[in-house]
Amino acid sequence: DAELCVGDISNILKLSQSSVSHQLRILKDNKLVKFRRDGK
C-alpha cells in the first residue's frame, strides 16, 4: 500500500540495504516491482 525507498524498506524489515537492493533487483527484473527516480 505504499511507495518506499530502499532505506525505508530496510528499516521496516530490519534488513541491510544491500540485501534489500539485491532482492528489489530480482523483483524488478521479473516485473513485480517498478521504480521512479526523484532526484537522488
PDB file of all heavy atoms in Angstrom:
ATOM      1  N   ASP A   1       0.805  -1.224   0.000  1.00  0.00           N
ATOM      2  CA  ASP A   1       0.000   0.000   0.000  1.00  0.00           C
ATOM      3  C   ASP A   1       0.836   1.271   0.000  1.00  0.00           C
ATOM      4  O   ASP A   1       0.295   2.358   0.191  1.00  0.00           O
ATOM      5  CB  ASP A   1      -0.916   0.025   1.234  1.00  0.00           C
ATOM      6  CG  ASP A   1      -2.045  -0.982   1.128  1.00  0.00           C
ATOM      7  OD1 ASP A   1      -2.636  -1.100   0.043  1.00  0.00           O
ATOM      8  OD2 ASP A   1      -2.323  -1.664   2.136  1.00  0.00           O
ATOM      9  N   ALA A   2       2.148   1.126  -0.151  1.00  0.00           N
ATOM     10  CA  ALA A   2       2.993   2.321  -0.057  1.00  0.00           C
ATOM     11  C   ALA A   2       4.159   2.238  -1.026  1.00  0.00           C
ATOM     12  O   ALA A   2       4.665   1.158  -1.318  1.00  0.00           O
ATOM     13  CB  ALA A   2       3.521   2.469   1.371  1.00  0.00           C
ATOM     14  N   GLU A   3       4.567   3.392  -1.487  1.00  0.00           N
ATOM     15  CA  GLU A   3       5.776   3.529  -2.291  1.00  0.00           C
ATOM     16  C   GLU A   3       6.905   3.839  -1.308  1.00  0.00           C
ATOM     17  O   GLU A   3       6.786   4.742  -0.494  1.00  0.00           O
ATOM     18  CB  GLU A   3       5.566   4.675  -3.281  1.00  0.00           C
ATOM     19  CG  GLU A   3       6.721   4.915  -4.186  1.00  0.00           C
ATOM     20  CD  GLU A   3       6.467   6.110  -5.095  1.00  0.00           C
ATOM     21  OE1 GLU A   3       6.357   7.244  -4.580  1.00  0.00           O
ATOM     22  OE2 GLU A   3       6.378   5.884  -6.310  1.00  0.00           O
ATOM     23  N   LEU A   4       7.983   3.063  -1.379  1.00  0.00           N
ATOM     24  CA  LEU A   4       9.065   3.205  -0.404  1.00  0.00           C
ATOM     25  C   LEU A   4      10.430   3.199  -1.076  1.00  0.00           C
ATOM     26  O   LEU A   4      10.601   2.605  -2.140  1.00  0.00           O
ATOM     27  CB  LEU A   4       9.026   2.052   0.607  1.00  0.00           C
ATOM     28  CG  LEU A   4       7.753   1.872   1.432  1.00  0.00           C
ATOM     29  CD1 LEU A   4       7.774   0.535   2.149  1.00  0.00           C
ATOM     30  CD2 LEU A   4       7.591   3.018   2.410  1.00  0.00           C
ATOM     31  N   CYS A   5      11.402   3.830  -0.419  1.00  0.00           N
ATOM     32  CA  CYS A   5      12.781   3.763  -0.892  1.00  0.00           C
ATOM     33  C   CYS A   5      13.480   2.597  -0.182  1.00  0.00           C
ATOM     34  O   CYS A   5      12.958   2.024   0.774  1.00  0.00           O
ATOM     35  CB  CYS A   5      13.511   5.085  -0.645  1.00  0.00           C
ATOM     36  SG  CYS A   5      13.745   5.482   1.096  1.00  0.00           S
ATOM     37  N   VAL A   6      14.670   2.253  -0.645  1.00  0.00           N
ATOM     38  CA  VAL A   6      15.424   1.134  -0.093  1.00  0.00           C
ATOM     39  C   VAL A   6      15.641   1.307   1.413  1.00  0.00           C
ATOM     40  O   VAL A   6      15.476   0.360   2.187  1.00  0.00           O
ATOM     41  CB  VAL A   6      16.777   0.957  -0.816  1.00  0.00           C
ATOM     42  CG1 VAL A   6      17.635  -0.095  -0.134  1.00  0.00           C
ATOM     43  CG2 VAL A   6      16.553   0.591  -2.274  1.00  0.00           C
ATOM     44  N   GLY A   7      15.995   2.523   1.838  1.00  0.00           N
ATOM     45  CA  GLY A   7      16.238   2.777   3.258  1.00  0.00           C
ATOM     46  C   GLY A   7      15.012   2.507   4.107  1.00  0.00           C
ATOM     47  O   GLY A   7      15.108   1.906   5.185  1.00  0.00           O
ATOM     48  N   ASP A   8      13.844   2.936   3.627  1.00  0.00           N
ATOM     49  CA  ASP A   8      12.596   2.685   4.356  1.00  0.00           C
ATOM     50  C   ASP A   8      12.333   1.184   4.469  1.00  0.00           C
ATOM     51  O   ASP A   8      11.994   0.679   5.535  1.00  0.00           O
ATOM     52  CB  ASP A   8      11.402   3.351   3.672  1.00  0.00           C
ATOM     53  CG  ASP A   8      11.431   4.866   3.756  1.00  0.00           C
ATOM     54  OD1 ASP A   8      12.116   5.395   4.657  1.00  0.00           O
ATOM     55  OD2 ASP A   8      10.766   5.508   2.915  1.00  0.00           O
ATOM     56  N   ILE A   9      12.477   0.485   3.355  1.00  0.00           N
ATOM     57  CA  ILE A   9      12.223  -0.964   3.347  1.00  0.00           C
ATOM     58  C   ILE A   9      13.185  -1.675   4.296  1.00  0.00           C
ATOM     59  O   ILE A   9      12.770  -2.536   5.075  1.00  0.00           O
ATOM     60  CB  ILE A   9      12.334  -1.542   1.921  1.00  0.00           C
ATOM     61  CG1 ILE A   9      11.262  -0.922   1.013  1.00  0.00           C
ATOM     62  CG2 ILE A   9      12.202  -3.064   1.941  1.00  0.00           C
ATOM     63  CD1 ILE A   9      11.455  -1.205  -0.462  1.00  0.00           C
ATOM     64  N   SER A  10      14.462  -1.314   4.241  1.00  0.00           N
ATOM     65  CA  SER A  10      15.443  -1.986   5.095  1.00  0.00           C
ATOM     66  C   SER A  10      15.159  -1.716   6.574  1.00  0.00           C
ATOM     67  O   SER A  10      15.310  -2.614   7.407  1.00  0.00           O
ATOM     68  CB  SER A  10      16.872  -1.598   4.719  1.00  0.00           C
ATOM     69  OG  SER A  10      17.137  -0.260   5.011  1.00  0.00           O
ATOM     70  N   ASN A  11      14.723  -0.500   6.923  1.00  0.00           N
ATOM     71  CA  ASN A  11      14.356  -0.193   8.311  1.00  0.00           C
ATOM     72  C   ASN A  11      13.123  -0.966   8.752  1.00  0.00           C
ATOM     73  O   ASN A  11      13.089  -1.519   9.854  1.00  0.00           O
ATOM     74  CB  ASN A  11      14.125   1.307   8.497  1.00  0.00           C
ATOM     75  CG  ASN A  11      15.423   2.077   8.528  1.00  0.00           C
ATOM     76  OD1 ASN A  11      16.465   1.565   8.931  1.00  0.00           O
ATOM     77  ND2 ASN A  11      15.365   3.321   8.085  1.00  0.00           N
ATOM     78  N   ILE A  12      12.110  -1.009   7.905  1.00  0.00           N
ATOM     79  CA  ILE A  12      10.871  -1.713   8.239  1.00  0.00           C
ATOM     80  C   ILE A  12      11.129  -3.198   8.457  1.00  0.00           C
ATOM     81  O   ILE A  12      10.640  -3.802   9.411  1.00  0.00           O
ATOM     82  CB  ILE A  12       9.814  -1.510   7.129  1.00  0.00           C
ATOM     83  CG1 ILE A  12       9.342  -0.055   7.105  1.00  0.00           C
ATOM     84  CG2 ILE A  12       8.635  -2.455   7.304  1.00  0.00           C
ATOM     85  CD1 ILE A  12       8.564   0.316   5.852  1.00  0.00           C
ATOM     86  N   LEU A  13      11.920  -3.791   7.575  1.00  0.00           N
ATOM     87  CA  LEU A  13      12.142  -5.239   7.608  1.00  0.00           C
ATOM     88  C   LEU A  13      13.368  -5.653   8.413  1.00  0.00           C
ATOM     89  O   LEU A  13      13.635  -6.842   8.547  1.00  0.00           O
ATOM     90  CB  LEU A  13      12.244  -5.781   6.182  1.00  0.00           C
ATOM     91  CG  LEU A  13      11.026  -5.538   5.290  1.00  0.00           C
ATOM     92  CD1 LEU A  13      11.257  -6.129   3.916  1.00  0.00           C
ATOM     93  CD2 LEU A  13       9.768  -6.108   5.921  1.00  0.00           C
ATOM     94  N   LYS A  14      14.113  -4.675   8.915  1.00  0.00           N
ATOM     95  CA  LYS A  14      15.333  -4.965   9.693  1.00  0.00           C
ATOM     96  C   LYS A  14      16.326  -5.798   8.873  1.00  0.00           C
ATOM     97  O   LYS A  14      16.866  -6.792   9.326  1.00  0.00           O
ATOM     98  CB  LYS A  14      14.994  -5.702  10.999  1.00  0.00           C
ATOM     99  CG  LYS A  14      13.912  -5.081  11.845  1.00  0.00           C
ATOM    100  CD  LYS A  14      14.398  -3.826  12.528  1.00  0.00           C
ATOM    101  CE  LYS A  14      13.398  -3.307  13.546  1.00  0.00           C
ATOM    102  NZ  LYS A  14      12.471  -2.317  13.059  1.00  0.00           N
ATOM    103  N   LEU A  15      16.538  -5.338   7.631  1.00  0.00           N
ATOM    104  CA  LEU A  15      17.477  -5.983   6.716  1.00  0.00           C
ATOM    105  C   LEU A  15      18.482  -4.942   6.238  1.00  0.00           C
ATOM    106  O   LEU A  15      18.195  -3.747   6.258  1.00  0.00           O
ATOM    107  CB  LEU A  15      16.736  -6.554   5.502  1.00  0.00           C
ATOM    108  CG  LEU A  15      15.725  -7.668   5.765  1.00  0.00           C
ATOM    109  CD1 LEU A  15      14.892  -7.924   4.517  1.00  0.00           C
ATOM    110  CD2 LEU A  15      16.436  -8.941   6.211  1.00  0.00           C
ATOM    111  N   SER A  16      19.615  -5.403   5.775  1.00  0.00           N
ATOM    112  CA  SER A  16      20.601  -4.466   5.240  1.00  0.00           C
ATOM    113  C   SER A  16      20.094  -3.879   3.926  1.00  0.00           C
ATOM    114  O   SER A  16      19.328  -4.517   3.193  1.00  0.00           O
ATOM    115  CB  SER A  16      21.937  -5.164   5.013  1.00  0.00           C
ATOM    116  OG  SER A  16      21.848  -6.059   3.917  1.00  0.00           O
ATOM    117  N   GLN A  17      20.546  -2.658   3.636  1.00  0.00           N
ATOM    118  CA  GLN A  17      20.168  -2.027   2.368  1.00  0.00           C
ATOM    119  C   GLN A  17      20.682  -2.837   1.186  1.00  0.00           C
ATOM    120  O   GLN A  17      20.017  -2.931   0.158  1.00  0.00           O
ATOM    121  CB  GLN A  17      20.686  -0.593   2.319  1.00  0.00           C
ATOM    122  CG  GLN A  17      19.907   0.337   3.214  1.00  0.00           C
ATOM    123  CD  GLN A  17      20.219   1.801   2.966  1.00  0.00           C
ATOM    124  OE1 GLN A  17      20.858   2.160   1.987  1.00  0.00           O
ATOM    125  NE2 GLN A  17      19.752   2.657   3.861  1.00  0.00           N
ATOM    126  N   SER A  18      21.844  -3.443   1.345  1.00  0.00           N
ATOM    127  CA  SER A  18      22.409  -4.273   0.287  1.00  0.00           C
ATOM    128  C   SER A  18      21.500  -5.464  -0.020  1.00  0.00           C
ATOM    129  O   SER A  18      21.235  -5.777  -1.188  1.00  0.00           O
ATOM    130  CB  SER A  18      23.796  -4.767   0.707  1.00  0.00           C
ATOM    131  OG  SER A  18      24.290  -5.698  -0.208  1.00  0.00           O
ATOM    132  N   SER A  19      21.020  -6.115   1.023  1.00  0.00           N
ATOM    133  CA  SER A  19      20.122  -7.259   0.847  1.00  0.00           C
ATOM    134  C   SER A  19      18.820  -6.844   0.182  1.00  0.00           C
ATOM    135  O   SER A  19      18.330  -7.501  -0.742  1.00  0.00           O
ATOM    136  CB  SER A  19      19.841  -7.899   2.210  1.00  0.00           C
ATOM    137  OG  SER A  19      18.871  -8.904   2.093  1.00  0.00           O
ATOM    138  N   VAL A  20      18.257  -5.724   0.638  1.00  0.00           N
ATOM    139  CA  VAL A  20      17.008  -5.225   0.064  1.00  0.00           C
ATOM    140  C   VAL A  20      17.215  -4.851  -1.403  1.00  0.00           C
ATOM    141  O   VAL A  20      16.405  -5.204  -2.265  1.00  0.00           O
ATOM    142  CB  VAL A  20      16.466  -4.027   0.879  1.00  0.00           C
ATOM    143  CG1 VAL A  20      15.317  -3.334   0.154  1.00  0.00           C
ATOM    144  CG2 VAL A  20      16.028  -4.483   2.263  1.00  0.00           C
ATOM    145  N   SER A  21      18.314  -4.169  -1.701  1.00  0.00           N
ATOM    146  CA  SER A  21      18.603  -3.776  -3.089  1.00  0.00           C
ATOM    147  C   SER A  21      18.719  -4.994  -3.991  1.00  0.00           C
ATOM    148  O   SER A  21      18.210  -4.995  -5.118  1.00  0.00           O
ATOM    149  CB  SER A  21      19.892  -2.966  -3.152  1.00  0.00           C
ATOM    150  OG  SER A  21      19.714  -1.719  -2.534  1.00  0.00           O
ATOM    151  N   HIS A  22      19.395  -6.023  -3.516  1.00  0.00           N
ATOM    152  CA  HIS A  22      19.554  -7.257  -4.296  1.00  0.00           C
ATOM    153  C   HIS A  22      18.187  -7.872  -4.611  1.00  0.00           C
ATOM    154  O   HIS A  22      17.911  -8.244  -5.757  1.00  0.00           O
ATOM    155  CB  HIS A  22      20.437  -8.247  -3.528  1.00  0.00           C
ATOM    156  CG  HIS A  22      20.511  -9.593  -4.167  1.00  0.00           C
ATOM    157  ND1 HIS A  22      21.213  -9.822  -5.322  1.00  0.00           N
ATOM    158  CD2 HIS A  22      19.949 -10.776  -3.811  1.00  0.00           C
ATOM    159  CE1 HIS A  22      21.084 -11.093  -5.657  1.00  0.00           C
ATOM    160  NE2 HIS A  22      20.320 -11.694  -4.753  1.00  0.00           N
ATOM    161  N   GLN A  23      17.326  -7.965  -3.587  1.00  0.00           N
ATOM    162  CA  GLN A  23      16.008  -8.565  -3.797  1.00  0.00           C
ATOM    163  C   GLN A  23      15.125  -7.681  -4.678  1.00  0.00           C
ATOM    164  O   GLN A  23      14.363  -8.194  -5.511  1.00  0.00           O
ATOM    165  CB  GLN A  23      15.329  -8.846  -2.452  1.00  0.00           C
ATOM    166  CG  GLN A  23      16.059  -9.837  -1.567  1.00  0.00           C
ATOM    167  CD  GLN A  23      16.249 -11.192  -2.218  1.00  0.00           C
ATOM    168  OE1 GLN A  23      15.510 -11.591  -3.105  1.00  0.00           O
ATOM    169  NE2 GLN A  23      17.266 -11.913  -1.775  1.00  0.00           N
ATOM    170  N   LEU A  24      15.227  -6.379  -4.522  1.00  0.00           N
ATOM    171  CA  LEU A  24      14.460  -5.471  -5.381  1.00  0.00           C
ATOM    172  C   LEU A  24      14.862  -5.615  -6.841  1.00  0.00           C
ATOM    173  O   LEU A  24      14.014  -5.536  -7.731  1.00  0.00           O
ATOM    174  CB  LEU A  24      14.636  -4.019  -4.925  1.00  0.00           C
ATOM    175  CG  LEU A  24      13.828  -3.611  -3.704  1.00  0.00           C
ATOM    176  CD1 LEU A  24      14.319  -2.270  -3.173  1.00  0.00           C
ATOM    177  CD2 LEU A  24      12.337  -3.552  -4.019  1.00  0.00           C
ATOM    178  N   ARG A  25      16.137  -5.834  -7.085  1.00  0.00           N
ATOM    179  CA  ARG A  25      16.606  -6.033  -8.463  1.00  0.00           C
ATOM    180  C   ARG A  25      15.935  -7.271  -9.066  1.00  0.00           C
ATOM    181  O   ARG A  25      15.473  -7.255 -10.213  1.00  0.00           O
ATOM    182  CB  ARG A  25      18.126  -6.174  -8.494  1.00  0.00           C
ATOM    183  CG  ARG A  25      18.709  -6.177  -9.896  1.00  0.00           C
ATOM    184  CD  ARG A  25      20.240  -6.156  -9.914  1.00  0.00           C
ATOM    185  NE  ARG A  25      20.804  -5.285  -8.889  1.00  0.00           N
ATOM    186  CZ  ARG A  25      21.481  -5.715  -7.814  1.00  0.00           C
ATOM    187  NH1 ARG A  25      21.697  -6.980  -7.619  1.00  0.00           N
ATOM    188  NH2 ARG A  25      21.951  -4.866  -6.939  1.00  0.00           N
ATOM    189  N   ILE A  26      15.870  -8.345  -8.300  1.00  0.00           N
ATOM    190  CA  ILE A  26      15.212  -9.569  -8.779  1.00  0.00           C
ATOM    191  C   ILE A  26      13.727  -9.308  -9.031  1.00  0.00           C
ATOM    192  O   ILE A  26      13.181  -9.703 -10.073  1.00  0.00           O
ATOM    193  CB  ILE A  26      15.401 -10.713  -7.755  1.00  0.00           C
ATOM    194  CG1 ILE A  26      16.872 -11.119  -7.702  1.00  0.00           C
ATOM    195  CG2 ILE A  26      14.514 -11.912  -8.094  1.00  0.00           C
ATOM    196  CD1 ILE A  26      17.235 -12.044  -6.553  1.00  0.00           C
ATOM    197  N   LEU A  27      13.077  -8.629  -8.107  1.00  0.00           N
ATOM    198  CA  LEU A  27      11.655  -8.320  -8.269  1.00  0.00           C
ATOM    199  C   LEU A  27      11.411  -7.407  -9.464  1.00  0.00           C
ATOM    200  O   LEU A  27      10.441  -7.585 -10.208  1.00  0.00           O
ATOM    201  CB  LEU A  27      11.111  -7.689  -6.985  1.00  0.00           C
ATOM    202  CG  LEU A  27      11.061  -8.615  -5.764  1.00  0.00           C
ATOM    203  CD1 LEU A  27      10.787  -7.819  -4.493  1.00  0.00           C
ATOM    204  CD2 LEU A  27      10.021  -9.710  -5.961  1.00  0.00           C
ATOM    205  N   LYS A  28      12.292  -6.451  -9.664  1.00  0.00           N
ATOM    206  CA  LYS A  28      12.166  -5.527 -10.801  1.00  0.00           C
ATOM    207  C   LYS A  28      12.386  -6.270 -12.115  1.00  0.00           C
ATOM    208  O   LYS A  28      11.628  -6.093 -13.072  1.00  0.00           O
ATOM    209  CB  LYS A  28      13.162  -4.380 -10.656  1.00  0.00           C
ATOM    210  CG  LYS A  28      13.066  -3.325 -11.749  1.00  0.00           C
ATOM    211  CD  LYS A  28      13.957  -2.138 -11.485  1.00  0.00           C
ATOM    212  CE  LYS A  28      15.416  -2.414 -11.428  1.00  0.00           C
ATOM    213  NZ  LYS A  28      16.089  -2.741 -12.677  1.00  0.00           N
ATOM    214  N   ASP A  29      13.412  -7.118 -12.161  1.00  0.00           N
ATOM    215  CA  ASP A  29      13.708  -7.880 -13.380  1.00  0.00           C
ATOM    216  C   ASP A  29      12.552  -8.800 -13.774  1.00  0.00           C
ATOM    217  O   ASP A  29      12.389  -9.136 -14.939  1.00  0.00           O
ATOM    218  CB  ASP A  29      14.978  -8.708 -13.204  1.00  0.00           C
ATOM    219  CG  ASP A  29      16.237  -7.849 -13.161  1.00  0.00           C
ATOM    220  OD1 ASP A  29      16.167  -6.643 -13.493  1.00  0.00           O
ATOM    221  OD2 ASP A  29      17.292  -8.387 -12.757  1.00  0.00           O
ATOM    222  N   ASN A  30      11.768  -9.195 -12.787  1.00  0.00           N
ATOM    223  CA  ASN A  30      10.635 -10.082 -13.039  1.00  0.00           C
ATOM    224  C   ASN A  30       9.303  -9.340 -13.077  1.00  0.00           C
ATOM    225  O   ASN A  30       8.240  -9.939 -12.976  1.00  0.00           O
ATOM    226  CB  ASN A  30      10.617 -11.198 -11.994  1.00  0.00           C
ATOM    227  CG  ASN A  30      11.705 -12.199 -12.265  1.00  0.00           C
ATOM    228  OD1 ASN A  30      11.531 -13.096 -13.085  1.00  0.00           O
ATOM    229  ND2 ASN A  30      12.847 -12.044 -11.618  1.00  0.00           N
ATOM    230  N   LYS A  31       9.379  -8.028 -13.201  1.00  0.00           N
ATOM    231  CA  LYS A  31       8.205  -7.157 -13.384  1.00  0.00           C
ATOM    232  C   LYS A  31       7.192  -7.252 -12.245  1.00  0.00           C
ATOM    233  O   LYS A  31       5.990  -7.167 -12.460  1.00  0.00           O
ATOM    234  CB  LYS A  31       7.549  -7.447 -14.729  1.00  0.00           C
ATOM    235  CG  LYS A  31       8.465  -7.193 -15.901  1.00  0.00           C
ATOM    236  CD  LYS A  31       7.786  -7.504 -17.207  1.00  0.00           C
ATOM    237  CE  LYS A  31       8.747  -7.256 -18.339  1.00  0.00           C
ATOM    238  NZ  LYS A  31       9.083  -8.439 -19.088  1.00  0.00           N
ATOM    239  N   LEU A  32       7.712  -7.424 -11.019  1.00  0.00           N
ATOM    240  CA  LEU A  32       6.836  -7.442  -9.855  1.00  0.00           C
ATOM    241  C   LEU A  32       6.857  -6.110  -9.118  1.00  0.00           C
ATOM    242  O   LEU A  32       5.907  -5.778  -8.412  1.00  0.00           O
ATOM    243  CB  LEU A  32       7.223  -8.585  -8.916  1.00  0.00           C
ATOM    244  CG  LEU A  32       7.055  -9.981  -9.525  1.00  0.00           C
ATOM    245  CD1 LEU A  32       7.606 -11.040  -8.593  1.00  0.00           C
ATOM    246  CD2 LEU A  32       5.598 -10.251  -9.849  1.00  0.00           C
ATOM    247  N   VAL A  33       7.950  -5.359  -9.263  1.00  0.00           N
ATOM    248  CA  VAL A  33       8.012  -4.002  -8.721  1.00  0.00           C
ATOM    249  C   VAL A  33       8.498  -3.060  -9.818  1.00  0.00           C
ATOM    250  O   VAL A  33       9.149  -3.473 -10.778  1.00  0.00           O
ATOM    251  CB  VAL A  33       8.933  -3.879  -7.475  1.00  0.00           C
ATOM    252  CG1 VAL A  33       8.447  -4.752  -6.343  1.00  0.00           C
ATOM    253  CG2 VAL A  33      10.370  -4.157  -7.805  1.00  0.00           C
ATOM    254  N   LYS A  34       8.156  -1.792  -9.658  1.00  0.00           N
ATOM    255  CA  LYS A  34       8.638  -0.748 -10.558  1.00  0.00           C
ATOM    256  C   LYS A  34       9.256   0.330  -9.692  1.00  0.00           C
ATOM    257  O   LYS A  34       9.108   0.321  -8.465  1.00  0.00           O
ATOM    258  CB  LYS A  34       7.502  -0.196 -11.415  1.00  0.00           C
ATOM    259  CG  LYS A  34       6.379   0.433 -10.615  1.00  0.00           C
ATOM    260  CD  LYS A  34       5.227   0.837 -11.506  1.00  0.00           C
ATOM    261  CE  LYS A  34       4.083   1.379 -10.653  1.00  0.00           C
ATOM    262  NZ  LYS A  34       2.919   1.699 -11.455  1.00  0.00           N
ATOM    263  N   PHE A  35       9.943   1.247 -10.330  1.00  0.00           N
ATOM    264  CA  PHE A  35      10.578   2.318  -9.556  1.00  0.00           C
ATOM    265  C   PHE A  35      10.424   3.638 -10.282  1.00  0.00           C
ATOM    266  O   PHE A  35      10.167   3.690 -11.481  1.00  0.00           O
ATOM    267  CB  PHE A  35      12.061   2.013  -9.315  1.00  0.00           C
ATOM    268  CG  PHE A  35      12.896   2.076 -10.563  1.00  0.00           C
ATOM    269  CD1 PHE A  35      13.569   3.236 -10.905  1.00  0.00           C
ATOM    270  CD2 PHE A  35      13.010   0.973 -11.401  1.00  0.00           C
ATOM    271  CE1 PHE A  35      14.346   3.303 -12.052  1.00  0.00           C
ATOM    272  CE2 PHE A  35      13.790   1.027 -12.547  1.00  0.00           C
ATOM    273  CZ  PHE A  35      14.453   2.185 -12.872  1.00  0.00           C
ATOM    274  N   ARG A  36      10.573   4.695  -9.507  1.00  0.00           N
ATOM    275  CA  ARG A  36      10.637   6.031 -10.081  1.00  0.00           C
ATOM    276  C   ARG A  36      11.737   6.778  -9.343  1.00  0.00           C
ATOM    277  O   ARG A  36      11.979   6.571  -8.161  1.00  0.00           O
ATOM    278  CB  ARG A  36       9.302   6.770  -9.986  1.00  0.00           C
ATOM    279  CG  ARG A  36       8.921   7.207  -8.611  1.00  0.00           C
ATOM    280  CD  ARG A  36       7.683   8.099  -8.600  1.00  0.00           C
ATOM    281  NE  ARG A  36       7.378   8.458  -7.239  1.00  0.00           N
ATOM    282  CZ  ARG A  36       7.923   9.480  -6.585  1.00  0.00           C
ATOM    283  NH1 ARG A  36       8.798  10.273  -7.175  1.00  0.00           N
ATOM    284  NH2 ARG A  36       7.596   9.727  -5.324  1.00  0.00           N
ATOM    285  N   ARG A  37      12.411   7.621 -10.084  1.00  0.00           N
ATOM    286  CA  ARG A  37      13.514   8.405  -9.529  1.00  0.00           C
ATOM    287  C   ARG A  37      13.011   9.800  -9.183  1.00  0.00           C
ATOM    288  O   ARG A  37      12.305  10.431  -9.954  1.00  0.00           O
ATOM    289  CB  ARG A  37      14.639   8.475 -10.559  1.00  0.00           C
ATOM    290  CG  ARG A  37      15.941   9.022 -10.037  1.00  0.00           C
ATOM    291  CD  ARG A  37      17.032   8.946 -11.092  1.00  0.00           C
ATOM    292  NE  ARG A  37      17.328   7.601 -11.535  1.00  0.00           N
ATOM    293  CZ  ARG A  37      18.192   6.785 -10.935  1.00  0.00           C
ATOM    294  NH1 ARG A  37      18.826   7.186  -9.858  1.00  0.00           N
ATOM    295  NH2 ARG A  37      18.427   5.584 -11.402  1.00  0.00           N
ATOM    296  N   ASP A  38      13.387  10.264  -7.996  1.00  0.00           N
ATOM    297  CA  ASP A  38      13.070  11.618  -7.568  1.00  0.00           C
ATOM    298  C   ASP A  38      14.369  12.223  -7.055  1.00  0.00           C
ATOM    299  O   ASP A  38      14.744  12.005  -5.898  1.00  0.00           O
ATOM    300  CB  ASP A  38      11.992  11.597  -6.481  1.00  0.00           C
ATOM    301  CG  ASP A  38      11.535  12.988  -6.075  1.00  0.00           C
ATOM    302  OD1 ASP A  38      11.871  13.964  -6.781  1.00  0.00           O
ATOM    303  OD2 ASP A  38      10.845  13.110  -5.041  1.00  0.00           O
ATOM    304  N   GLY A  39      15.063  12.937  -7.933  1.00  0.00           N
ATOM    305  CA  GLY A  39      16.393  13.442  -7.589  1.00  0.00           C
ATOM    306  C   GLY A  39      17.345  12.275  -7.410  1.00  0.00           C
ATOM    307  O   GLY A  39      17.482  11.445  -8.290  1.00  0.00           O
ATOM    308  N   LYS A  40      17.962  12.183  -6.244  1.00  0.00           N
ATOM    309  CA  LYS A  40      18.880  11.075  -5.968  1.00  0.00           C
ATOM    310  C   LYS A  40      18.167   9.864  -5.370  1.00  0.00           C
ATOM    311  O   LYS A  40      18.761   8.800  -5.234  1.00  0.00           O
ATOM    312  CB  LYS A  40      19.975  11.533  -5.010  1.00  0.00           C
ATOM    313  CG  LYS A  40      20.938  12.521  -5.623  1.00  0.00           C
ATOM    314  CD  LYS A  40      22.062  12.834  -4.663  1.00  0.00           C
ATOM    315  CE  LYS A  40      23.044  13.808  -5.336  1.00  0.00           C
ATOM    316  NZ  LYS A  40      24.196  14.082  -4.472  1.00  0.00           N
TER     317      LYS A  40
END
